[in-house]
Amino acid sequence: MTLNFPNNSRAYIPSKACVRFWGHDTTIEVTLEVSTEVLKFLVPKIDNSEIALLGAFDEHHTTIKNVGKIKHNALRKTFIQLVRGDFKSDI
């Protein structure tokens, strides 16, 4: 089965410098975190505010979720961290 994202819930976690979101693989919930480093790569002139980081996530959610699916398919874990190295330089 593939990872699906039935809702658009996401949360900024300042202590971990990431945005957390959730997907489902059949009945299994998968927690994913995308680092602020990735968001700053996707939107280079972004500031560190929660609003700006969540906005960057929302703007690039399709790309972020696609990378999450690829990494989940490779690892098959219930917790996935997305870091800069998971994203191609030509996005």
PDB file of N, CA and C in Angstrom:
ATOM      1  N   MET A   1       0.845  -1.180   0.000  1.00  0.00           N
ATOM      2  CA  MET A   1       0.000   0.000   0.000  1.00  0.00           C
ATOM      3  C   MET A   1       0.885   1.235   0.000  1.00  0.00           C
ATOM      4  N   THR A   2       0.326   2.334  -0.411  1.00  0.00           N
ATOM      5  CA  THR A   2       1.086   3.574  -0.469  1.00  0.00           C
ATOM      6  C   THR A   2       0.646   4.536   0.627  1.00  0.00           C
ATOM      7  N   LEU A   3       1.483   5.462   0.909  1.00  0.00           N
ATOM      8  CA  LEU A   3       1.196   6.467   1.924  1.00  0.00           C
ATOM      9  C   LEU A   3       0.211   7.482   1.363  1.00  0.00           C
ATOM     10  N   ASN A   4      -0.848   7.747   2.114  1.00  0.00           N
ATOM     11  CA  ASN A   4      -1.865   8.731   1.736  1.00  0.00           C
ATOM     12  C   ASN A   4      -1.951   9.803   2.804  1.00  0.00           C
ATOM     13  N   PHE A   5      -2.455  10.950   2.409  1.00  0.00           N
ATOM     14  CA  PHE A   5      -2.592  12.079   3.317  1.00  0.00           C
ATOM     15  C   PHE A   5      -4.050  12.530   3.311  1.00  0.00           C
ATOM     16  N   PRO A   6      -4.889  11.858   4.115  1.00  0.00           N
ATOM     17  CA  PRO A   6      -6.326  12.145   4.074  1.00  0.00           C
ATOM     18  C   PRO A   6      -6.728  13.489   4.681  1.00  0.00           C
ATOM     19  N   ASN A   7      -5.843  14.121   5.438  1.00  0.00           N
ATOM     20  CA  ASN A   7      -6.156  15.455   5.941  1.00  0.00           C
ATOM     21  C   ASN A   7      -4.920  16.337   5.821  1.00  0.00           C
ATOM     22  N   ASN A   8      -5.126  17.611   5.947  1.00  0.00           N
ATOM     23  CA  ASN A   8      -4.031  18.575   5.752  1.00  0.00           C
ATOM     24  C   ASN A   8      -3.463  19.097   7.060  1.00  0.00           C
ATOM     25  N   SER A   9      -3.630  18.355   8.148  1.00  0.00           N
ATOM     26  CA  SER A   9      -3.101  18.786   9.442  1.00  0.00           C
ATOM     27  C   SER A   9      -1.586  18.870   9.388  1.00  0.00           C
ATOM     28  N   ARG A  10      -1.060  19.902  10.011  1.00  0.00           N
ATOM     29  CA  ARG A  10       0.388  20.067  10.156  1.00  0.00           C
ATOM     30  C   ARG A  10       0.613  20.987  11.332  1.00  0.00           C
ATOM     31  N   ALA A  11       1.775  20.888  11.938  1.00  0.00           N
ATOM     32  CA  ALA A  11       2.090  21.705  13.108  1.00  0.00           C
ATOM     33  C   ALA A  11       3.568  22.062  13.089  1.00  0.00           C
ATOM     34  N   TYR A  12       3.859  23.300  13.454  1.00  0.00           N
ATOM     35  CA  TYR A  12       5.243  23.734  13.587  1.00  0.00           C
ATOM     36  C   TYR A  12       5.723  23.330  14.979  1.00  0.00           C
ATOM     37  N   ILE A  13       6.883  22.682  15.050  1.00  0.00           N
ATOM     38  CA  ILE A  13       7.464  22.231  16.307  1.00  0.00           C
ATOM     39  C   ILE A  13       8.781  22.987  16.505  1.00  0.00           C
ATOM     40  N   PRO A  14       8.750  24.139  17.201  1.00  0.00           N
ATOM     41  CA  PRO A  14       9.971  24.956  17.315  1.00  0.00           C
ATOM     42  C   PRO A  14      11.134  24.244  17.996  1.00  0.00           C
ATOM     43  N   SER A  15      10.862  23.399  18.979  1.00  0.00           N
ATOM     44  CA  SER A  15      11.943  22.715  19.692  1.00  0.00           C
ATOM     45  C   SER A  15      12.706  21.740  18.795  1.00  0.00           C
ATOM     46  N   LYS A  16      12.069  21.287  17.719  1.00  0.00           N
ATOM     47  CA  LYS A  16      12.712  20.367  16.786  1.00  0.00           C
ATOM     48  C   LYS A  16      13.029  21.014  15.442  1.00  0.00           C
ATOM     49  N   ALA A  17      12.689  22.306  15.306  1.00  0.00           N
ATOM     50  CA  ALA A  17      12.918  23.052  14.059  1.00  0.00           C
ATOM     51  C   ALA A  17      12.362  22.291  12.858  1.00  0.00           C
ATOM     52  N   CYS A  18      11.059  21.969  12.949  1.00  0.00           N
ATOM     53  CA  CYS A  18      10.438  21.218  11.864  1.00  0.00           C
ATOM     54  C   CYS A  18       8.939  21.495  11.807  1.00  0.00           C
ATOM     55  N   VAL A  19       8.354  21.064  10.711  1.00  0.00           N
ATOM     56  CA  VAL A  19       6.898  21.007  10.587  1.00  0.00           C
ATOM     57  C   VAL A  19       6.540  19.530  10.562  1.00  0.00           C
ATOM     58  N   ARG A  20       5.608  19.159  11.433  1.00  0.00           N
ATOM     59  CA  ARG A  20       5.168  17.763  11.543  1.00  0.00           C
ATOM     60  C   ARG A  20       3.826  17.618  10.830  1.00  0.00           C
ATOM     61  N   PHE A  21       3.678  16.497  10.122  1.00  0.00           N
ATOM     62  CA  PHE A  21       2.418  16.187   9.470  1.00  0.00           C
ATOM     63  C   PHE A  21       2.236  14.680   9.470  1.00  0.00           C
ATOM     64  N   TRP A  22       1.050  14.213   9.084  1.00  0.00           N
ATOM     65  CA  TRP A  22       0.721  12.814   9.243  1.00  0.00           C
ATOM     66  C   TRP A  22       0.155  12.232   7.963  1.00  0.00           C
ATOM     67  N   GLY A  23       0.459  10.979   7.751  1.00  0.00           N
ATOM     68  CA  GLY A  23      -0.091  10.229   6.638  1.00  0.00           C
ATOM     69  C   GLY A  23      -0.556   8.874   7.138  1.00  0.00           C
ATOM     70  N   HIS A  24      -1.177   8.121   6.255  1.00  0.00           N
ATOM     71  CA  HIS A  24      -1.657   6.786   6.607  1.00  0.00           C
ATOM     72  C   HIS A  24      -1.282   5.799   5.509  1.00  0.00           C
ATOM     73  N   ASP A  25      -0.802   4.646   5.935  1.00  0.00           N
ATOM     74  CA  ASP A  25      -0.537   3.524   5.053  1.00  0.00           C
ATOM     75  C   ASP A  25      -1.478   2.420   5.526  1.00  0.00           C
ATOM     76  N   THR A  26      -2.554   2.237   4.824  1.00  0.00           N
ATOM     77  CA  THR A  26      -3.696   1.419   5.244  1.00  0.00           C
ATOM     78  C   THR A  26      -4.156   1.907   6.616  1.00  0.00           C
ATOM     79  N   THR A  27      -4.050   1.094   7.653  1.00  0.00           N
ATOM     80  CA  THR A  27      -4.517   1.511   8.983  1.00  0.00           C
ATOM     81  C   THR A  27      -3.406   2.049   9.869  1.00  0.00           C
ATOM     82  N   ILE A  28      -2.209   2.141   9.350  1.00  0.00           N
ATOM     83  CA  ILE A  28      -1.061   2.583  10.138  1.00  0.00           C
ATOM     84  C   ILE A  28      -0.831   4.083   9.937  1.00  0.00           C
ATOM     85  N   GLU A  29      -0.797   4.823  11.069  1.00  0.00           N
ATOM     86  CA  GLU A  29      -0.489   6.254  10.992  1.00  0.00           C
ATOM     87  C   GLU A  29       1.020   6.439  10.934  1.00  0.00           C
ATOM     88  N   VAL A  30       1.459   7.317  10.038  1.00  0.00           N
ATOM     89  CA  VAL A  30       2.873   7.621   9.869  1.00  0.00           C
ATOM     90  C   VAL A  30       3.070   9.102  10.191  1.00  0.00           C
ATOM     91  N   THR A  31       3.991   9.380  11.102  1.00  0.00           N
ATOM     92  CA  THR A  31       4.346  10.751  11.446  1.00  0.00           C
ATOM     93  C   THR A  31       5.550  11.146  10.610  1.00  0.00           C
ATOM     94  N   LEU A  32       5.448  12.304   9.970  1.00  0.00           N
ATOM     95  CA  LEU A  32       6.554  12.815   9.163  1.00  0.00           C
ATOM     96  C   LEU A  32       6.934  14.194   9.670  1.00  0.00           C
ATOM     97  N   GLU A  33       8.210  14.491   9.617  1.00  0.00           N
ATOM     98  CA  GLU A  33       8.703  15.815   9.970  1.00  0.00           C
ATOM     99  C   GLU A  33       9.597  16.319   8.845  1.00  0.00           C
ATOM    100  N   VAL A  34       9.368  17.553   8.446  1.00  0.00           N
ATOM    101  CA  VAL A  34      10.217  18.191   7.446  1.00  0.00           C
ATOM    102  C   VAL A  34      10.965  19.318   8.153  1.00  0.00           C
ATOM    103  N   SER A  35      12.268  19.326   8.012  1.00  0.00           N
ATOM    104  CA  SER A  35      13.096  20.292   8.730  1.00  0.00           C
ATOM    105  C   SER A  35      12.912  21.701   8.171  1.00  0.00           C
ATOM    106  N   THR A  36      13.165  22.674   9.032  1.00  0.00           N
ATOM    107  CA  THR A  36      13.103  24.064   8.567  1.00  0.00           C
ATOM    108  C   THR A  36      14.186  24.328   7.521  1.00  0.00           C
ATOM    109  N   GLU A  37      15.267  23.560   7.560  1.00  0.00           N
ATOM    110  CA  GLU A  37      16.310  23.676   6.535  1.00  0.00           C
ATOM    111  C   GLU A  37      15.728  23.395   5.146  1.00  0.00           C
ATOM    112  N   VAL A  38      14.883  22.389   5.043  1.00  0.00           N
ATOM    113  CA  VAL A  38      14.227  22.073   3.776  1.00  0.00           C
ATOM    114  C   VAL A  38      13.315  23.220   3.356  1.00  0.00           C
ATOM    115  N   LEU A  39      12.535  23.735   4.297  1.00  0.00           N
ATOM    116  CA  LEU A  39      11.611  24.829   3.966  1.00  0.00           C
ATOM    117  C   LEU A  39      12.377  26.062   3.497  1.00  0.00           C
ATOM    118  N   LYS A  40      13.537  26.315   4.106  1.00  0.00           N
ATOM    119  CA  LYS A  40      14.374  27.448   3.688  1.00  0.00           C
ATOM    120  C   LYS A  40      15.024  27.188   2.331  1.00  0.00           C
ATOM    121  N   PHE A  41      15.245  25.936   1.999  1.00  0.00           N
ATOM    122  CA  PHE A  41      15.731  25.584   0.663  1.00  0.00           C
ATOM    123  C   PHE A  41      14.640  25.845  -0.377  1.00  0.00           C
ATOM    124  N   LEU A  42      13.414  25.455  -0.042  1.00  0.00           N
ATOM    125  CA  LEU A  42      12.299  25.628  -0.973  1.00  0.00           C
ATOM    126  C   LEU A  42      11.894  27.095  -1.129  1.00  0.00           C
ATOM    127  N   VAL A  43      12.035  27.869  -0.058  1.00  0.00           N
ATOM    128  CA  VAL A  43      11.698  29.302  -0.069  1.00  0.00           C
ATOM    129  C   VAL A  43      12.892  30.039   0.554  1.00  0.00           C
ATOM    130  N   PRO A  44      13.887  30.365  -0.259  1.00  0.00           N
ATOM    131  CA  PRO A  44      15.162  30.880   0.265  1.00  0.00           C
ATOM    132  C   PRO A  44      15.086  32.141   1.144  1.00  0.00           C
ATOM    133  N   LYS A  45      14.174  33.048   0.887  1.00  0.00           N
ATOM    134  CA  LYS A  45      14.153  34.301   1.647  1.00  0.00           C
ATOM    135  C   LYS A  45      13.174  34.265   2.815  1.00  0.00           C
ATOM    136  N   ILE A  46      12.808  33.078   3.255  1.00  0.00           N
ATOM    137  CA  ILE A  46      11.838  32.910   4.333  1.00  0.00           C
ATOM    138  C   ILE A  46      12.433  33.338   5.678  1.00  0.00           C
ATOM    139  N   ASP A  47      11.572  33.860   6.550  1.00  0.00           N
ATOM    140  CA  ASP A  47      12.039  34.142   7.909  1.00  0.00           C
ATOM    141  C   ASP A  47      11.702  32.945   8.800  1.00  0.00           C
ATOM    142  N   ASN A  48      12.069  33.005  10.063  1.00  0.00           N
ATOM    143  CA  ASN A  48      11.889  31.879  10.970  1.00  0.00           C
ATOM    144  C   ASN A  48      10.573  31.890  11.730  1.00  0.00           C
ATOM    145  N   SER A  49       9.631  32.702  11.301  1.00  0.00           N
ATOM    146  CA  SER A  49       8.365  32.758  12.021  1.00  0.00           C
ATOM    147  C   SER A  49       7.517  31.520  11.717  1.00  0.00           C
ATOM    148  N   GLU A  50       6.690  31.157  12.670  1.00  0.00           N
ATOM    149  CA  GLU A  50       5.804  30.014  12.490  1.00  0.00           C
ATOM    150  C   GLU A  50       4.907  30.200  11.268  1.00  0.00           C
ATOM    151  N   ILE A  51       4.373  31.393  11.107  1.00  0.00           N
ATOM    152  CA  ILE A  51       3.478  31.672   9.975  1.00  0.00           C
ATOM    153  C   ILE A  51       4.206  31.475   8.647  1.00  0.00           C
ATOM    154  N   ALA A  52       5.428  31.981   8.554  1.00  0.00           N
ATOM    155  CA  ALA A  52       6.190  31.855   7.305  1.00  0.00           C
ATOM    156  C   ALA A  52       6.550  30.397   7.018  1.00  0.00           C
ATOM    157  N   LEU A  53       6.962  29.664   8.037  1.00  0.00           N
ATOM    158  CA  LEU A  53       7.353  28.268   7.834  1.00  0.00           C
ATOM    159  C   LEU A  53       6.159  27.401   7.466  1.00  0.00           C
ATOM    160  N   LEU A  54       5.015  27.616   8.124  1.00  0.00           N
ATOM    161  CA  LEU A  54       3.815  26.872   7.745  1.00  0.00           C
ATOM    162  C   LEU A  54       3.346  27.258   6.348  1.00  0.00           C
ATOM    163  N   GLY A  55       3.502  28.533   5.992  1.00  0.00           N
ATOM    164  CA  GLY A  55       3.157  28.985   4.646  1.00  0.00           C
ATOM    165  C   GLY A  55       4.029  28.318   3.590  1.00  0.00           C
ATOM    166  N   ALA A  56       5.319  28.171   3.892  1.00  0.00           N
ATOM    167  CA  ALA A  56       6.230  27.489   2.963  1.00  0.00           C
ATOM    168  C   ALA A  56       5.827  26.025   2.814  1.00  0.00           C
ATOM    169  N   PHE A  57       5.463  25.395   3.926  1.00  0.00           N
ATOM    170  CA  PHE A  57       4.992  24.012   3.857  1.00  0.00           C
ATOM    171  C   PHE A  57       3.747  23.929   2.980  1.00  0.00           C
ATOM    172  N   ASP A  58       2.788  24.817   3.223  1.00  0.00           N
ATOM    173  CA  ASP A  58       1.541  24.792   2.454  1.00  0.00           C
ATOM    174  C   ASP A  58       1.794  25.025   0.963  1.00  0.00           C
ATOM    175  N   GLU A  59       2.706  25.935   0.665  1.00  0.00           N
ATOM    176  CA  GLU A  59       3.018  26.250  -0.730  1.00  0.00           C
ATOM    177  C   GLU A  59       3.653  25.064  -1.457  1.00  0.00           C
ATOM    178  N   HIS A  60       4.420  24.271  -0.745  1.00  0.00           N
ATOM    179  CA  HIS A  60       5.173  23.164  -1.356  1.00  0.00           C
ATOM    180  C   HIS A  60       4.727  21.799  -0.840  1.00  0.00           C
ATOM    181  N   HIS A  61       3.488  21.726  -0.329  1.00  0.00           N
ATOM    182  CA  HIS A  61       3.033  20.473   0.276  1.00  0.00           C
ATOM    183  C   HIS A  61       3.049  19.297  -0.693  1.00  0.00           C
ATOM    184  N   THR A  62       2.774  19.515  -1.965  1.00  0.00           N
ATOM    185  CA  THR A  62       2.772  18.408  -2.917  1.00  0.00           C
ATOM    186  C   THR A  62       4.171  17.796  -3.031  1.00  0.00           C
ATOM    187  N   THR A  63       5.174  18.636  -3.199  1.00  0.00           N
ATOM    188  CA  THR A  63       6.557  18.154  -3.287  1.00  0.00           C
ATOM    189  C   THR A  63       6.978  17.469  -1.999  1.00  0.00           C
ATOM    190  N   ILE A  64       6.687  18.088  -0.861  1.00  0.00           N
ATOM    191  CA  ILE A  64       7.082  17.533   0.434  1.00  0.00           C
ATOM    192  C   ILE A  64       6.419  16.176   0.654  1.00  0.00           C
ATOM    193  N   LYS A  65       5.137  16.075   0.363  1.00  0.00           N
ATOM    194  CA  LYS A  65       4.430  14.807   0.558  1.00  0.00           C
ATOM    195  C   LYS A  65       4.916  13.737  -0.419  1.00  0.00           C
ATOM    196  N   ASN A  66       5.255  14.112  -1.636  1.00  0.00           N
ATOM    197  CA  ASN A  66       5.802  13.143  -2.592  1.00  0.00           C
ATOM    198  C   ASN A  66       7.138  12.589  -2.114  1.00  0.00           C
ATOM    199  N   VAL A  67       7.990  13.447  -1.582  1.00  0.00           N
ATOM    200  CA  VAL A  67       9.270  12.992  -1.032  1.00  0.00           C
ATOM    201  C   VAL A  67       9.014  12.104   0.186  1.00  0.00           C
ATOM    202  N   GLY A  68       8.023  12.464   0.984  1.00  0.00           N
ATOM    203  CA  GLY A  68       7.654  11.630   2.131  1.00  0.00           C
ATOM    204  C   GLY A  68       7.202  10.246   1.705  1.00  0.00           C
ATOM    205  N   LYS A  69       6.426  10.168   0.630  1.00  0.00           N
ATOM    206  CA  LYS A  69       5.980   8.867   0.114  1.00  0.00           C
ATOM    207  C   LYS A  69       7.165   8.021  -0.331  1.00  0.00           C
ATOM    208  N   ILE A  70       8.087   8.632  -1.047  1.00  0.00           N
ATOM    209  CA  ILE A  70       9.268   7.916  -1.539  1.00  0.00           C
ATOM    210  C   ILE A  70      10.087   7.378  -0.363  1.00  0.00           C
ATOM    211  N   LYS A  71      10.313   8.219   0.632  1.00  0.00           N
ATOM    212  CA  LYS A  71      11.123   7.797   1.772  1.00  0.00           C
ATOM    213  C   LYS A  71      10.390   6.728   2.585  1.00  0.00           C
ATOM    214  N   HIS A  72       9.083   6.885   2.740  1.00  0.00           N
ATOM    215  CA  HIS A  72       8.301   5.873   3.463  1.00  0.00           C
ATOM    216  C   HIS A  72       8.345   4.527   2.729  1.00  0.00           C
ATOM    217  N   ASN A  73       8.204   4.541   1.421  1.00  0.00           N
ATOM    218  CA  ASN A  73       8.252   3.303   0.645  1.00  0.00           C
ATOM    219  C   ASN A  73       9.601   2.598   0.794  1.00  0.00           C
ATOM    220  N   ALA A  74      10.664   3.394   0.950  1.00  0.00           N
ATOM    221  CA  ALA A  74      11.997   2.809   1.104  1.00  0.00           C
ATOM    222  C   ALA A  74      12.227   2.279   2.521  1.00  0.00           C
ATOM    223  N   LEU A  75      11.709   2.980   3.531  1.00  0.00           N
ATOM    224  CA  LEU A  75      12.008   2.634   4.920  1.00  0.00           C
ATOM    225  C   LEU A  75      10.921   1.829   5.625  1.00  0.00           C
ATOM    226  N   ARG A  76       9.676   2.057   5.236  1.00  0.00           N
ATOM    227  CA  ARG A  76       8.526   1.402   5.877  1.00  0.00           C
ATOM    228  C   ARG A  76       8.534   1.562   7.391  1.00  0.00           C
ATOM    229  N   LYS A  77       8.726   2.804   7.842  1.00  0.00           N
ATOM    230  CA  LYS A  77       8.699   3.104   9.272  1.00  0.00           C
ATOM    231  C   LYS A  77       7.498   3.994   9.573  1.00  0.00           C
ATOM    232  N   THR A  78       7.165   4.084  10.859  1.00  0.00           N
ATOM    233  CA  THR A  78       6.028   4.926  11.261  1.00  0.00           C
ATOM    234  C   THR A  78       6.457   6.336  11.639  1.00  0.00           C
ATOM    235  N   PHE A  79       7.762   6.609  11.573  1.00  0.00           N
ATOM    236  CA  PHE A  79       8.283   7.953  11.806  1.00  0.00           C
ATOM    237  C   PHE A  79       9.333   8.240  10.747  1.00  0.00           C
ATOM    238  N   ILE A  80       9.120   9.313   9.998  1.00  0.00           N
ATOM    239  CA  ILE A  80      10.019   9.672   8.894  1.00  0.00           C
ATOM    240  C   ILE A  80      10.452  11.119   9.059  1.00  0.00           C
ATOM    241  N   GLN A  81      11.750  11.371   9.032  1.00  0.00           N
ATOM    242  CA  GLN A  81      12.278  12.729   9.042  1.00  0.00           C
ATOM    243  C   GLN A  81      12.754  13.067   7.632  1.00  0.00           C
ATOM    244  N   LEU A  82      12.244  14.165   7.111  1.00  0.00           N
ATOM    245  CA  LEU A  82      12.665  14.642   5.792  1.00  0.00           C
ATOM    246  C   LEU A  82      13.697  15.745   5.998  1.00  0.00           C
ATOM    247  N   VAL A  83      14.862  15.546   5.423  1.00  0.00           N
ATOM    248  CA  VAL A  83      15.963  16.495   5.561  1.00  0.00           C
ATOM    249  C   VAL A  83      16.392  16.974   4.175  1.00  0.00           C
ATOM    250  N   ARG A  84      17.251  17.954   4.157  1.00  0.00           N
ATOM    251  CA  ARG A  84      17.682  18.586   2.905  1.00  0.00           C
ATOM    252  C   ARG A  84      18.169  17.561   1.884  1.00  0.00           C
ATOM    253  N   GLY A  85      18.912  16.555   2.315  1.00  0.00           N
ATOM    254  CA  GLY A  85      19.445  15.550   1.409  1.00  0.00           C
ATOM    255  C   GLY A  85      18.392  14.704   0.709  1.00  0.00           C
ATOM    256  N   ASP A  86      17.160  14.716   1.206  1.00  0.00           N
ATOM    257  CA  ASP A  86      16.075  13.962   0.574  1.00  0.00           C
ATOM    258  C   ASP A  86      15.493  14.682  -0.640  1.00  0.00           C
ATOM    259  N   PHE A  87      15.859  15.944  -0.802  1.00  0.00           N
ATOM    260  CA  PHE A  87      15.292  16.780  -1.870  1.00  0.00           C
ATOM    261  C   PHE A  87      16.358  17.047  -2.930  1.00  0.00           C
ATOM    262  N   LYS A  88      15.968  16.894  -4.187  1.00  0.00           N
ATOM    263  CA  LYS A  88      16.873  17.181  -5.297  1.00  0.00           C
ATOM    264  C   LYS A  88      17.159  18.667  -5.350  1.00  0.00           C
ATOM    265  N   SER A  89      18.323  19.018  -5.860  1.00  0.00           N
ATOM    266  CA  SER A  89      18.699  20.437  -5.945  1.00  0.00           C
ATOM    267  C   SER A  89      17.947  21.182  -7.040  1.00  0.00           C
ATOM    268  N   ASP A  90      17.261  20.452  -7.933  1.00  0.00           N
ATOM    269  CA  ASP A  90      16.588  21.107  -9.055  1.00  0.00           C
ATOM    270  C   ASP A  90      15.073  21.234  -8.864  1.00  0.00           C
ATOM    271  N   ILE A  91      14.618  21.134  -7.625  1.00  0.00           N
ATOM    272  CA  ILE A  91      13.172  21.260  -7.356  1.00  0.00           C
ATOM    273  C   ILE A  91      12.735  22.680  -7.625  1.00  0.00           C
TER     274      ILE A  91
END
